[in-house]
Amino acid sequence: DVQLQAFGGGLVRAGGSLRLSCAASGFTFDDYAIGWFRQAPGKERERVSCINSSDGSTYYADSVKGRFTISTDNAKNTVYLEMNSLKPEDTAVYYCAAQPTLIIGLLRLCDIYGMHYWGQGTLVTVSS
């Protein structure tokens, strides 16, 4: 069975840090780009960051550039999202998802419509 398990959410004060982990199983990790999306209450799900480990390319939403860093440990089939200088507007449920690298080019890296697998979310709450 395909699984994407997200961990690491929690409650943090503004300016603080959290690291999210996404552990993948049930598919060939190297054939997929892995990314993070988030959905705040009453808002649409939006892309945050993705990484294509086959060529090292990354995507960051403008709202998180310079504060979030995505990385991958291919030996562990795990992708991390290091989140620093957190703001209350970062509060959301964070989901990890997988996009086949074969379709990158037809769709952008981190295109929400290109994600084939989704994990359960992990809640990040940033207090002011």
N, C-alpha and C. Protein backbone atom coordinates (compact mmCIF):
# COMPACT_ATOMS: atom_id res chain seq x y z
N ASP A 1 0.83 -1.18 0.00
CA ASP A 1 0.00 0.00 0.00
C ASP A 1 0.88 1.25 0.00
N VAL A 2 0.43 2.23 -0.79
CA VAL A 2 1.12 3.51 -0.81
C VAL A 2 0.81 4.26 0.48
N GLN A 3 1.86 4.77 1.09
CA GLN A 3 1.69 5.58 2.29
C GLN A 3 2.61 6.78 2.26
N LEU A 4 2.07 7.90 2.66
CA LEU A 4 2.85 9.11 2.91
C LEU A 4 2.44 9.56 4.31
N GLN A 5 3.37 9.41 5.24
CA GLN A 5 3.05 9.71 6.63
C GLN A 5 3.76 10.99 7.04
N ALA A 6 2.96 11.97 7.40
CA ALA A 6 3.50 13.26 7.80
C ALA A 6 3.57 13.34 9.32
N PHE A 7 4.69 13.87 9.81
CA PHE A 7 4.90 14.02 11.24
C PHE A 7 5.47 15.39 11.53
N GLY A 8 5.38 15.79 12.78
CA GLY A 8 6.14 16.95 13.22
C GLY A 8 5.34 18.22 13.46
N GLY A 9 4.06 18.20 13.21
CA GLY A 9 3.27 19.38 13.49
C GLY A 9 3.16 19.64 14.98
N GLY A 10 2.67 20.82 15.30
CA GLY A 10 2.51 21.16 16.70
C GLY A 10 2.20 22.62 16.88
N LEU A 11 2.26 23.04 18.12
CA LEU A 11 1.99 24.44 18.49
C LEU A 11 3.31 25.13 18.77
N VAL A 12 3.50 26.27 18.14
CA VAL A 12 4.74 27.01 18.32
C VAL A 12 4.42 28.50 18.33
N ARG A 13 5.23 29.27 19.00
CA ARG A 13 5.05 30.72 19.01
C ARG A 13 5.64 31.34 17.75
N ALA A 14 5.11 32.48 17.40
CA ALA A 14 5.63 33.20 16.25
C ALA A 14 7.13 33.42 16.42
N GLY A 15 7.84 33.20 15.33
CA GLY A 15 9.29 33.30 15.36
C GLY A 15 9.99 31.98 15.63
N GLY A 16 9.22 30.99 16.02
CA GLY A 16 9.78 29.69 16.33
C GLY A 16 9.98 28.82 15.11
N SER A 17 10.36 27.58 15.37
CA SER A 17 10.69 26.65 14.29
C SER A 17 10.04 25.30 14.51
N LEU A 18 9.80 24.61 13.41
CA LEU A 18 9.34 23.23 13.44
C LEU A 18 9.94 22.50 12.25
N ARG A 19 10.09 21.20 12.38
CA ARG A 19 10.53 20.39 11.24
C ARG A 19 9.49 19.32 10.99
N LEU A 20 8.95 19.33 9.79
CA LEU A 20 8.01 18.31 9.37
C LEU A 20 8.75 17.20 8.63
N SER A 21 8.27 15.98 8.81
CA SER A 21 8.84 14.84 8.10
C SER A 21 7.73 14.14 7.33
N CYS A 22 8.08 13.63 6.15
CA CYS A 22 7.14 12.86 5.34
C CYS A 22 7.83 11.55 4.96
N ALA A 23 7.35 10.48 5.52
CA ALA A 23 7.92 9.16 5.25
C ALA A 23 7.09 8.46 4.19
N ALA A 24 7.73 8.06 3.11
CA ALA A 24 7.03 7.45 1.98
C ALA A 24 7.30 5.96 1.90
N SER A 25 6.29 5.20 1.48
CA SER A 25 6.45 3.77 1.28
C SER A 25 5.41 3.29 0.27
N GLY A 26 5.69 2.15 -0.33
CA GLY A 26 4.73 1.56 -1.25
C GLY A 26 4.87 1.99 -2.70
N PHE A 27 5.86 2.83 -2.98
CA PHE A 27 6.11 3.22 -4.37
C PHE A 27 7.60 3.52 -4.50
N THR A 28 8.06 3.64 -5.74
CA THR A 28 9.49 3.88 -5.99
C THR A 28 9.79 5.34 -5.73
N PHE A 29 10.40 5.60 -4.62
CA PHE A 29 10.62 6.96 -4.14
C PHE A 29 11.35 7.81 -5.17
N ASP A 30 12.34 7.24 -5.83
CA ASP A 30 13.17 8.01 -6.76
C ASP A 30 12.39 8.45 -8.01
N ASP A 31 11.23 7.86 -8.25
CA ASP A 31 10.44 8.20 -9.43
C ASP A 31 9.44 9.32 -9.16
N TYR A 32 9.51 9.89 -7.97
CA TYR A 32 8.54 10.90 -7.58
C TYR A 32 9.21 12.12 -6.97
N ALA A 33 8.64 13.27 -7.28
CA ALA A 33 8.95 14.48 -6.53
C ALA A 33 7.98 14.51 -5.34
N ILE A 34 8.50 14.96 -4.22
CA ILE A 34 7.69 15.00 -3.00
C ILE A 34 7.54 16.45 -2.57
N GLY A 35 6.36 16.77 -2.12
CA GLY A 35 6.15 18.16 -1.72
C GLY A 35 5.21 18.31 -0.55
N TRP A 36 5.12 19.57 -0.11
CA TRP A 36 4.26 19.94 0.99
C TRP A 36 3.23 20.96 0.52
N PHE A 37 2.03 20.73 0.96
CA PHE A 37 0.93 21.65 0.71
C PHE A 37 0.31 21.98 2.05
N ARG A 38 -0.45 23.06 2.11
CA ARG A 38 -1.12 23.39 3.36
C ARG A 38 -2.50 23.95 3.09
N GLN A 39 -3.34 23.77 4.08
CA GLN A 39 -4.71 24.28 3.98
C GLN A 39 -5.11 24.88 5.31
N ALA A 40 -5.37 26.18 5.28
CA ALA A 40 -5.83 26.88 6.46
C ALA A 40 -7.36 26.85 6.49
N PRO A 41 -7.95 27.03 7.66
CA PRO A 41 -9.41 27.00 7.74
C PRO A 41 -10.05 28.02 6.80
N GLY A 42 -11.01 27.55 6.01
CA GLY A 42 -11.72 28.43 5.11
C GLY A 42 -10.97 28.81 3.85
N LYS A 43 -9.80 28.23 3.67
CA LYS A 43 -9.00 28.59 2.49
C LYS A 43 -8.74 27.35 1.63
N GLU A 44 -8.35 27.60 0.39
CA GLU A 44 -8.00 26.50 -0.50
C GLU A 44 -6.63 25.93 -0.14
N ARG A 45 -6.43 24.69 -0.50
CA ARG A 45 -5.12 24.07 -0.31
C ARG A 45 -4.12 24.76 -1.25
N GLU A 46 -2.96 25.06 -0.74
CA GLU A 46 -1.94 25.74 -1.53
C GLU A 46 -0.62 25.01 -1.43
N ARG A 47 0.15 25.14 -2.47
CA ARG A 47 1.46 24.49 -2.46
C ARG A 47 2.43 25.33 -1.65
N VAL A 48 3.33 24.64 -0.97
CA VAL A 48 4.32 25.29 -0.11
C VAL A 48 5.72 25.07 -0.66
N SER A 49 6.09 23.81 -0.85
CA SER A 49 7.44 23.50 -1.32
C SER A 49 7.49 22.08 -1.83
N CYS A 50 8.31 21.87 -2.84
CA CYS A 50 8.50 20.53 -3.40
C CYS A 50 9.95 20.33 -3.78
N ILE A 51 10.35 19.06 -3.85
CA ILE A 51 11.70 18.73 -4.26
C ILE A 51 11.68 17.54 -5.20
N ASN A 52 12.44 17.67 -6.27
CA ASN A 52 12.63 16.58 -7.21
C ASN A 52 14.05 16.09 -7.02
N SER A 53 14.22 15.02 -6.28
CA SER A 53 15.56 14.57 -5.94
C SER A 53 16.31 14.02 -7.14
N SER A 54 15.61 13.71 -8.23
CA SER A 54 16.31 13.18 -9.40
C SER A 54 17.19 14.23 -10.06
N ASP A 55 16.83 15.51 -9.94
CA ASP A 55 17.68 16.56 -10.52
C ASP A 55 17.96 17.68 -9.53
N GLY A 56 17.47 17.54 -8.31
CA GLY A 56 17.76 18.53 -7.28
C GLY A 56 16.91 19.78 -7.34
N SER A 57 15.97 19.84 -8.25
CA SER A 57 15.17 21.05 -8.37
C SER A 57 14.20 21.18 -7.20
N THR A 58 13.92 22.41 -6.85
CA THR A 58 13.02 22.69 -5.75
C THR A 58 12.05 23.80 -6.13
N TYR A 59 10.97 23.85 -5.40
CA TYR A 59 9.99 24.93 -5.54
C TYR A 59 9.65 25.43 -4.14
N TYR A 60 9.54 26.74 -4.01
CA TYR A 60 9.08 27.35 -2.78
C TYR A 60 8.03 28.40 -3.12
N ALA A 61 6.96 28.42 -2.37
CA ALA A 61 6.00 29.51 -2.51
C ALA A 61 6.66 30.80 -2.05
N ASP A 62 6.29 31.90 -2.65
CA ASP A 62 6.89 33.19 -2.28
C ASP A 62 6.73 33.47 -0.79
N SER A 63 5.63 33.02 -0.23
CA SER A 63 5.34 33.33 1.17
C SER A 63 6.28 32.63 2.15
N VAL A 64 7.00 31.61 1.68
CA VAL A 64 7.88 30.87 2.59
C VAL A 64 9.34 30.94 2.19
N LYS A 65 9.64 31.56 1.07
CA LYS A 65 11.04 31.66 0.62
C LYS A 65 11.88 32.34 1.68
N GLY A 66 13.05 31.77 1.93
CA GLY A 66 13.96 32.32 2.92
C GLY A 66 13.66 31.87 4.34
N ARG A 67 12.51 31.25 4.55
CA ARG A 67 12.16 30.78 5.90
C ARG A 67 12.06 29.26 5.97
N PHE A 68 11.60 28.63 4.90
CA PHE A 68 11.42 27.18 4.87
C PHE A 68 12.50 26.56 3.98
N THR A 69 12.93 25.36 4.36
CA THR A 69 13.89 24.62 3.56
C THR A 69 13.43 23.18 3.43
N ILE A 70 13.38 22.71 2.18
CA ILE A 70 12.98 21.32 1.94
C ILE A 70 14.23 20.50 1.65
N SER A 71 14.24 19.27 2.14
CA SER A 71 15.37 18.39 1.90
C SER A 71 14.87 16.95 1.86
N THR A 72 15.72 16.08 1.37
CA THR A 72 15.32 14.69 1.23
C THR A 72 16.42 13.76 1.68
N ASP A 73 16.04 12.65 2.27
CA ASP A 73 16.96 11.57 2.61
C ASP A 73 16.47 10.36 1.83
N ASN A 74 17.07 10.15 0.67
CA ASN A 74 16.60 9.08 -0.19
C ASN A 74 16.79 7.71 0.44
N ALA A 75 17.79 7.56 1.29
CA ALA A 75 18.04 6.27 1.94
C ALA A 75 16.90 5.91 2.88
N LYS A 76 16.23 6.95 3.40
CA LYS A 76 15.13 6.72 4.33
C LYS A 76 13.76 6.96 3.68
N ASN A 77 13.79 7.29 2.38
CA ASN A 77 12.52 7.62 1.68
C ASN A 77 11.72 8.68 2.46
N THR A 78 12.42 9.69 2.89
CA THR A 78 11.80 10.71 3.74
C THR A 78 12.16 12.10 3.23
N VAL A 79 11.17 12.97 3.26
CA VAL A 79 11.37 14.38 2.90
C VAL A 79 11.08 15.22 4.14
N TYR A 80 11.90 16.24 4.34
CA TYR A 80 11.77 17.11 5.49
C TYR A 80 11.42 18.53 5.05
N LEU A 81 10.70 19.22 5.90
CA LEU A 81 10.45 20.65 5.70
C LEU A 81 10.83 21.36 6.98
N GLU A 82 11.96 22.06 6.91
CA GLU A 82 12.42 22.85 8.04
C GLU A 82 11.75 24.21 7.95
N MET A 83 11.01 24.56 8.98
CA MET A 83 10.24 25.82 8.97
C MET A 83 10.77 26.73 10.07
N ASN A 84 11.32 27.85 9.68
CA ASN A 84 11.88 28.82 10.63
C ASN A 84 11.10 30.13 10.54
N SER A 85 11.30 30.97 11.54
CA SER A 85 10.64 32.28 11.58
C SER A 85 9.15 32.15 11.29
N LEU A 86 8.53 31.22 11.96
CA LEU A 86 7.12 30.95 11.69
C LEU A 86 6.24 32.14 12.05
N LYS A 87 5.19 32.29 11.26
CA LYS A 87 4.25 33.39 11.44
C LYS A 87 2.84 32.81 11.69
N PRO A 88 1.99 33.57 12.33
CA PRO A 88 0.62 33.08 12.54
C PRO A 88 -0.06 32.67 11.24
N GLU A 89 0.27 33.33 10.15
CA GLU A 89 -0.36 32.98 8.88
C GLU A 89 0.15 31.66 8.30
N ASP A 90 1.14 31.07 8.94
CA ASP A 90 1.58 29.73 8.53
C ASP A 90 0.71 28.64 9.15
N THR A 91 -0.19 29.03 10.02
CA THR A 91 -1.07 28.06 10.66
C THR A 91 -1.94 27.38 9.62
N ALA A 92 -1.89 26.04 9.62
CA ALA A 92 -2.62 25.26 8.63
C ALA A 92 -2.39 23.79 8.90
N VAL A 93 -3.17 22.96 8.22
CA VAL A 93 -2.86 21.54 8.15
C VAL A 93 -1.91 21.36 6.98
N TYR A 94 -0.80 20.73 7.23
CA TYR A 94 0.22 20.51 6.21
C TYR A 94 0.14 19.07 5.72
N TYR A 95 0.10 18.93 4.40
CA TYR A 95 0.01 17.62 3.76
C TYR A 95 1.25 17.39 2.90
N CYS A 96 1.73 16.15 2.88
CA CYS A 96 2.75 15.82 1.90
C CYS A 96 2.11 15.03 0.76
N ALA A 97 2.72 15.15 -0.40
CA ALA A 97 2.16 14.54 -1.60
C ALA A 97 3.29 14.17 -2.56
N ALA A 98 2.98 13.28 -3.49
CA ALA A 98 4.00 12.79 -4.42
C ALA A 98 3.54 12.99 -5.86
N GLN A 99 4.46 13.51 -6.67
CA GLN A 99 4.21 13.80 -8.08
C GLN A 99 5.16 12.98 -8.94
N PRO A 100 4.67 12.19 -9.88
CA PRO A 100 5.57 11.41 -10.73
C PRO A 100 6.50 12.33 -11.51
N THR A 101 7.78 12.03 -11.50
CA THR A 101 8.72 12.91 -12.20
C THR A 101 8.50 12.86 -13.71
N LEU A 102 7.87 11.78 -14.19
CA LEU A 102 7.63 11.67 -15.63
C LEU A 102 6.73 12.77 -16.16
N ILE A 103 5.86 13.32 -15.31
CA ILE A 103 4.93 14.32 -15.81
C ILE A 103 5.42 15.75 -15.57
N ILE A 104 6.58 15.86 -14.91
CA ILE A 104 7.13 17.21 -14.72
C ILE A 104 7.64 17.68 -16.07
N GLY A 105 7.18 18.79 -16.49
CA GLY A 105 7.41 19.26 -17.85
C GLY A 105 6.06 19.45 -18.51
N LEU A 106 5.22 18.42 -18.38
CA LEU A 106 3.83 18.59 -18.79
C LEU A 106 3.11 19.46 -17.78
N LEU A 107 3.41 19.22 -16.51
CA LEU A 107 2.92 20.05 -15.42
C LEU A 107 4.14 20.58 -14.66
N ARG A 108 3.94 21.69 -13.99
CA ARG A 108 5.03 22.25 -13.21
C ARG A 108 5.35 21.35 -12.02
N LEU A 109 6.59 21.45 -11.57
CA LEU A 109 6.93 20.84 -10.29
C LEU A 109 6.01 21.44 -9.25
N CYS A 110 5.41 20.57 -8.44
CA CYS A 110 4.57 21.02 -7.34
C CYS A 110 3.19 21.48 -7.80
N ASP A 111 2.80 21.16 -9.01
CA ASP A 111 1.45 21.47 -9.45
C ASP A 111 0.48 20.56 -8.70
N ILE A 112 -0.49 21.16 -8.03
CA ILE A 112 -1.40 20.37 -7.20
C ILE A 112 -2.13 19.31 -8.01
N TYR A 113 -2.37 19.59 -9.28
CA TYR A 113 -3.10 18.64 -10.13
C TYR A 113 -2.21 17.49 -10.59
N GLY A 114 -0.92 17.61 -10.32
CA GLY A 114 -0.01 16.54 -10.72
C GLY A 114 0.36 15.60 -9.60
N MET A 115 -0.18 15.84 -8.41
CA MET A 115 0.17 15.00 -7.28
C MET A 115 -0.68 13.74 -7.29
N HIS A 116 -0.03 12.60 -7.33
CA HIS A 116 -0.75 11.33 -7.43
C HIS A 116 -1.09 10.74 -6.07
N TYR A 117 -0.24 10.96 -5.10
CA TYR A 117 -0.47 10.37 -3.79
C TYR A 117 -0.48 11.48 -2.74
N TRP A 118 -1.34 11.32 -1.77
CA TRP A 118 -1.45 12.28 -0.67
C TRP A 118 -1.37 11.57 0.66
N GLY A 119 -0.74 12.22 1.61
CA GLY A 119 -0.71 11.70 2.96
C GLY A 119 -1.75 12.38 3.82
N GLN A 120 -1.83 11.92 5.04
CA GLN A 120 -2.72 12.58 5.99
C GLN A 120 -2.04 13.87 6.42
N GLY A 121 -2.76 14.78 6.95
CA GLY A 121 -2.17 16.06 7.33
C GLY A 121 -1.61 16.07 8.73
N THR A 122 -0.78 17.05 8.98
CA THR A 122 -0.29 17.31 10.32
C THR A 122 -0.53 18.79 10.61
N LEU A 123 -1.08 19.09 11.76
CA LEU A 123 -1.50 20.45 12.07
C LEU A 123 -0.34 21.27 12.63
N VAL A 124 -0.15 22.42 12.03
CA VAL A 124 0.82 23.39 12.54
C VAL A 124 0.04 24.62 13.00
N THR A 125 0.25 24.99 14.25
CA THR A 125 -0.42 26.17 14.80
C THR A 125 0.64 27.12 15.31
N VAL A 126 0.62 28.33 14.80
CA VAL A 126 1.58 29.34 15.21
C VAL A 126 0.82 30.44 15.96
N SER A 127 1.17 30.61 17.22
CA SER A 127 0.49 31.61 18.04
C SER A 127 1.25 32.93 17.97
N SER A 128 0.50 34.00 18.10
CA SER A 128 1.11 35.34 18.02
C SER A 128 1.60 35.80 19.38
